[in-house]
Amino acid sequence: MLFLAFAESIQLFPDGTIFIHIALILLMIWVLNRTFFRPINRVLESREKHRHAGGEAASILSQATAKEAAYQSAMLEARTQGYQLIERRHSEAVAEREQKLGAVKSEVATQLANERASLEGQAAEARAAVTAEADQIADKIARNILRA
């Protein structure tokens, strides 16, 4: 019943107080914006920034991962080039050693052939000298046998 009595006192037709009500509502909106909604909006914006900052962290992390992968790739390439350089230098050193070894072998073979020829010549001279001396000794023995 009290509710019905209150409802009868409400005017359903606008009069001049509607402008006061509109002004009070606008004043209330302005005061609430200043005191309540702006700080809440700032907090919400900072949360959104921090959420995006997490996205930035993920972006930075992905960039760091990409840079690390590029670094690893560059290091692998550098190692490969280093190993290729070492192998090339090693093969050059082996080829140079083989070349020097071949030159020394040919020089030794030449000296060996010269020395063999020299020894054969000396052996032939020694044989000739021994043969001549053996003939002389044989002649002396034959003379001594015939004299006796």
C-alpha atoms as a PDB file:
ATOM      1  CA  MET A   1       0.000   0.000   0.000  1.00  0.00           C
ATOM      2  CA  LEU A   2       2.743   2.351   0.791  1.00  0.00           C
ATOM      3  CA  PHE A   3       4.163   1.630  -2.614  1.00  0.00           C
ATOM      4  CA  LEU A   4       0.923   2.625  -4.308  1.00  0.00           C
ATOM      5  CA  ALA A   5       0.752   5.868  -2.350  1.00  0.00           C
ATOM      6  CA  PHE A   6       4.317   6.663  -3.435  1.00  0.00           C
ATOM      7  CA  ALA A   7       3.518   5.827  -7.068  1.00  0.00           C
ATOM      8  CA  GLU A   8       0.592   8.305  -7.076  1.00  0.00           C
ATOM      9  CA  SER A   9       2.906  11.136  -6.058  1.00  0.00           C
ATOM     10  CA  ILE A  10       5.208  10.597  -9.067  1.00  0.00           C
ATOM     11  CA  GLN A  11       4.438  12.814 -12.008  1.00  0.00           C
ATOM     12  CA  LEU A  12       4.482  11.123 -15.359  1.00  0.00           C
ATOM     13  CA  PHE A  13       4.372  14.314 -17.374  1.00  0.00           C
ATOM     14  CA  PRO A  14       7.553  16.356 -17.692  1.00  0.00           C
ATOM     15  CA  ASP A  15       7.616  19.867 -16.349  1.00  0.00           C
ATOM     16  CA  GLY A  16      10.442  22.386 -15.702  1.00  0.00           C
ATOM     17  CA  THR A  17      12.195  20.173 -13.148  1.00  0.00           C
ATOM     18  CA  ILE A  18      13.324  17.825 -15.914  1.00  0.00           C
ATOM     19  CA  PHE A  19      16.011  20.332 -16.890  1.00  0.00           C
ATOM     20  CA  ILE A  20      17.271  20.375 -13.303  1.00  0.00           C
ATOM     21  CA  HIS A  21      17.338  16.576 -13.315  1.00  0.00           C
ATOM     22  CA  ILE A  22      19.272  16.520 -16.608  1.00  0.00           C
ATOM     23  CA  ALA A  23      21.723  19.094 -15.233  1.00  0.00           C
ATOM     24  CA  LEU A  24      22.162  17.044 -12.042  1.00  0.00           C
ATOM     25  CA  ILE A  25      22.745  13.858 -14.091  1.00  0.00           C
ATOM     26  CA  LEU A  26      25.328  15.640 -16.259  1.00  0.00           C
ATOM     27  CA  LEU A  27      27.006  17.047 -13.127  1.00  0.00           C
ATOM     28  CA  MET A  28      27.008  13.550 -11.609  1.00  0.00           C
ATOM     29  CA  ILE A  29      28.565  12.092 -14.797  1.00  0.00           C
ATOM     30  CA  TRP A  30      31.246  14.796 -14.786  1.00  0.00           C
ATOM     31  CA  VAL A  31      32.054  14.245 -11.088  1.00  0.00           C
ATOM     32  CA  LEU A  32      32.106  10.461 -11.507  1.00  0.00           C
ATOM     33  CA  ASN A  33      34.385  10.754 -14.547  1.00  0.00           C
ATOM     34  CA  ARG A  34      36.785  12.930 -12.590  1.00  0.00           C
ATOM     35  CA  THR A  35      36.807  10.968  -9.375  1.00  0.00           C
ATOM     36  CA  PHE A  36      35.992   7.392 -10.297  1.00  0.00           C
ATOM     37  CA  PHE A  37      36.153   6.433 -13.979  1.00  0.00           C
ATOM     38  CA  ARG A  38      39.444   8.135 -14.931  1.00  0.00           C
ATOM     39  CA  PRO A  39      41.498   6.339 -12.228  1.00  0.00           C
ATOM     40  CA  ILE A  40      39.822   3.046 -13.126  1.00  0.00           C
ATOM     41  CA  ASN A  41      40.506   3.666 -16.804  1.00  0.00           C
ATOM     42  CA  ARG A  42      44.161   4.458 -15.993  1.00  0.00           C
ATOM     43  CA  VAL A  43      44.457   1.184 -14.077  1.00  0.00           C
ATOM     44  CA  LEU A  44      42.841  -0.719 -16.952  1.00  0.00           C
ATOM     45  CA  GLU A  45      45.151   0.969 -19.481  1.00  0.00           C
ATOM     46  CA  SER A  46      48.220   0.126 -17.411  1.00  0.00           C
ATOM     47  CA  ARG A  47      47.037  -3.490 -17.192  1.00  0.00           C
ATOM     48  CA  GLU A  48      46.583  -3.537 -20.948  1.00  0.00           C
ATOM     49  CA  LYS A  49      50.064  -2.081 -21.403  1.00  0.00           C
ATOM     50  CA  HIS A  50      51.516  -4.694 -19.100  1.00  0.00           C
ATOM     51  CA  ARG A  51      49.680  -7.386 -21.003  1.00  0.00           C
ATOM     52  CA  HIS A  52      51.169  -5.997 -24.199  1.00  0.00           C
ATOM     53  CA  ALA A  53      54.483  -5.675 -22.393  1.00  0.00           C
ATOM     54  CA  GLY A  54      54.252  -9.427 -21.881  1.00  0.00           C
ATOM     55  CA  GLY A  55      53.704  -9.606 -25.600  1.00  0.00           C
ATOM     56  CA  GLU A  56      56.752  -7.388 -26.015  1.00  0.00           C
ATOM     57  CA  ALA A  57      58.699  -9.744 -23.778  1.00  0.00           C
ATOM     58  CA  ALA A  58      57.605 -12.645 -25.930  1.00  0.00           C
ATOM     59  CA  SER A  59      58.594 -10.649 -29.005  1.00  0.00           C
ATOM     60  CA  ILE A  60      61.995  -9.850 -27.499  1.00  0.00           C
ATOM     61  CA  LEU A  61      62.400 -13.494 -26.511  1.00  0.00           C
ATOM     62  CA  SER A  62      61.566 -14.640 -30.036  1.00  0.00           C
ATOM     63  CA  GLN A  63      64.030 -12.083 -31.432  1.00  0.00           C
ATOM     64  CA  ALA A  64      66.682 -13.337 -29.023  1.00  0.00           C
ATOM     65  CA  THR A  65      65.962 -16.907 -30.061  1.00  0.00           C
ATOM     66  CA  ALA A  66      66.213 -15.952 -33.718  1.00  0.00           C
ATOM     67  CA  LYS A  67      69.489 -14.119 -33.085  1.00  0.00           C
ATOM     68  CA  GLU A  68      70.845 -17.101 -31.156  1.00  0.00           C
ATOM     69  CA  ALA A  69      69.917 -19.401 -34.031  1.00  0.00           C
ATOM     70  CA  ALA A  70      71.634 -17.022 -36.462  1.00  0.00           C
ATOM     71  CA  TYR A  71      74.685 -16.947 -34.184  1.00  0.00           C
ATOM     72  CA  GLN A  72      74.786 -20.741 -33.998  1.00  0.00           C
ATOM     73  CA  SER A  73      74.450 -20.946 -37.768  1.00  0.00           C
ATOM     74  CA  ALA A  74      77.257 -18.419 -38.238  1.00  0.00           C
ATOM     75  CA  MET A  75      79.457 -20.320 -35.774  1.00  0.00           C
ATOM     76  CA  LEU A  76      78.779 -23.586 -37.597  1.00  0.00           C
ATOM     77  CA  GLU A  77      79.645 -21.940 -40.906  1.00  0.00           C
ATOM     78  CA  ALA A  78      82.837 -20.466 -39.409  1.00  0.00           C
ATOM     79  CA  ARG A  79      83.841 -23.857 -37.984  1.00  0.00           C
ATOM     80  CA  THR A  80      83.168 -25.499 -41.334  1.00  0.00           C
ATOM     81  CA  GLN A  81      85.306 -22.923 -43.113  1.00  0.00           C
ATOM     82  CA  GLY A  82      88.027 -23.356 -40.483  1.00  0.00           C
ATOM     83  CA  TYR A  83      88.022 -27.120 -40.906  1.00  0.00           C
ATOM     84  CA  GLN A  84      88.100 -26.743 -44.688  1.00  0.00           C
ATOM     85  CA  LEU A  85      91.060 -24.365 -44.386  1.00  0.00           C
ATOM     86  CA  ILE A  86      92.882 -26.757 -42.058  1.00  0.00           C
ATOM     87  CA  GLU A  87      92.198 -29.675 -44.397  1.00  0.00           C
ATOM     88  CA  ARG A  88      93.353 -27.690 -47.429  1.00  0.00           C
ATOM     89  CA  ARG A  89      96.565 -26.616 -45.647  1.00  0.00           C
ATOM     90  CA  HIS A  90      97.121 -30.206 -44.524  1.00  0.00           C
ATOM     91  CA  SER A  91      96.677 -31.540 -48.055  1.00  0.00           C
ATOM     92  CA  GLU A  92      99.031 -28.832 -49.360  1.00  0.00           C
ATOM     93  CA  ALA A  93     101.607 -29.814 -46.724  1.00  0.00           C
ATOM     94  CA  VAL A  94     101.215 -33.499 -47.600  1.00  0.00           C
ATOM     95  CA  ALA A  95     101.598 -32.708 -51.310  1.00  0.00           C
ATOM     96  CA  GLU A  96     104.698 -30.596 -50.602  1.00  0.00           C
ATOM     97  CA  ARG A  97     106.131 -33.379 -48.423  1.00  0.00           C
ATOM     98  CA  GLU A  98     105.450 -35.945 -51.157  1.00  0.00           C
ATOM     99  CA  GLN A  99     107.096 -33.657 -53.695  1.00  0.00           C
ATOM    100  CA  LYS A 100     110.180 -33.191 -51.509  1.00  0.00           C
ATOM    101  CA  LEU A 101     110.235 -36.897 -50.731  1.00  0.00           C
ATOM    102  CA  GLY A 102     110.033 -37.704 -54.447  1.00  0.00           C
ATOM    103  CA  ALA A 103     112.890 -35.279 -55.166  1.00  0.00           C
ATOM    104  CA  VAL A 104     115.015 -36.832 -52.403  1.00  0.00           C
ATOM    105  CA  LYS A 105     114.173 -40.349 -53.622  1.00  0.00           C
ATOM    106  CA  SER A 106     115.186 -39.490 -57.183  1.00  0.00           C
ATOM    107  CA  GLU A 107     118.396 -37.851 -55.904  1.00  0.00           C
ATOM    108  CA  VAL A 108     119.165 -40.914 -53.771  1.00  0.00           C
ATOM    109  CA  ALA A 109     118.388 -43.217 -56.721  1.00  0.00           C
ATOM    110  CA  THR A 110     120.725 -41.172 -58.920  1.00  0.00           C
ATOM    111  CA  GLN A 111     123.486 -41.272 -56.288  1.00  0.00           C
ATOM    112  CA  LEU A 112     122.902 -44.986 -55.784  1.00  0.00           C
ATOM    113  CA  ALA A 113     123.174 -45.631 -59.534  1.00  0.00           C
ATOM    114  CA  ASN A 114     126.355 -43.528 -59.696  1.00  0.00           C
ATOM    115  CA  GLU A 115     127.851 -45.325 -56.724  1.00  0.00           C
ATOM    116  CA  ARG A 116     126.929 -48.742 -58.166  1.00  0.00           C
ATOM    117  CA  ALA A 117     128.529 -47.797 -61.450  1.00  0.00           C
ATOM    118  CA  SER A 118     131.587 -46.564 -59.568  1.00  0.00           C
ATOM    119  CA  LEU A 119     131.712 -49.775 -57.517  1.00  0.00           C
ATOM    120  CA  GLU A 120     131.325 -51.907 -60.630  1.00  0.00           C
ATOM    121  CA  GLY A 121     134.154 -49.968 -62.231  1.00  0.00           C
ATOM    122  CA  GLN A 122     136.327 -50.387 -59.138  1.00  0.00           C
ATOM    123  CA  ALA A 123     135.392 -54.092 -58.976  1.00  0.00           C
ATOM    124  CA  ALA A 124     136.365 -54.498 -62.638  1.00  0.00           C
ATOM    125  CA  GLU A 125     139.665 -52.702 -61.980  1.00  0.00           C
ATOM    126  CA  ALA A 126     140.247 -54.858 -58.903  1.00  0.00           C
ATOM    127  CA  ARG A 127     139.481 -58.021 -60.894  1.00  0.00           C
ATOM    128  CA  ALA A 128     141.823 -56.925 -63.641  1.00  0.00           C
ATOM    129  CA  ALA A 129     144.526 -56.115 -61.063  1.00  0.00           C
ATOM    130  CA  VAL A 130     143.944 -59.410 -59.227  1.00  0.00           C
ATOM    131  CA  THR A 131     143.958 -61.304 -62.538  1.00  0.00           C
ATOM    132  CA  ALA A 132     147.187 -59.603 -63.619  1.00  0.00           C
ATOM    133  CA  GLU A 133     148.779 -60.229 -60.230  1.00  0.00           C
ATOM    134  CA  ALA A 134     147.501 -63.831 -60.246  1.00  0.00           C
ATOM    135  CA  ASP A 135     149.082 -64.307 -63.675  1.00  0.00           C
ATOM    136  CA  GLN A 136     152.370 -62.899 -62.397  1.00  0.00           C
ATOM    137  CA  ILE A 137     152.253 -65.096 -59.318  1.00  0.00           C
ATOM    138  CA  ALA A 138     151.345 -68.107 -61.484  1.00  0.00           C
ATOM    139  CA  ASP A 139     154.296 -67.343 -63.762  1.00  0.00           C
ATOM    140  CA  LYS A 140     156.618 -67.075 -60.754  1.00  0.00           C
ATOM    141  CA  ILE A 141     155.278 -70.353 -59.334  1.00  0.00           C
ATOM    142  CA  ALA A 142     155.666 -72.065 -62.703  1.00  0.00           C
ATOM    143  CA  ARG A 143     159.237 -70.787 -63.037  1.00  0.00           C
ATOM    144  CA  ASN A 144     160.063 -71.889 -59.526  1.00  0.00           C
ATOM    145  CA  ILE A 145     158.565 -75.317 -60.159  1.00  0.00           C
ATOM    146  CA  LEU A 146     160.399 -75.663 -63.442  1.00  0.00           C
ATOM    147  CA  ARG A 147     163.679 -74.621 -61.868  1.00  0.00           C
ATOM    148  CA  ALA A 148     163.493 -76.985 -59.129  1.00  0.00           C
END
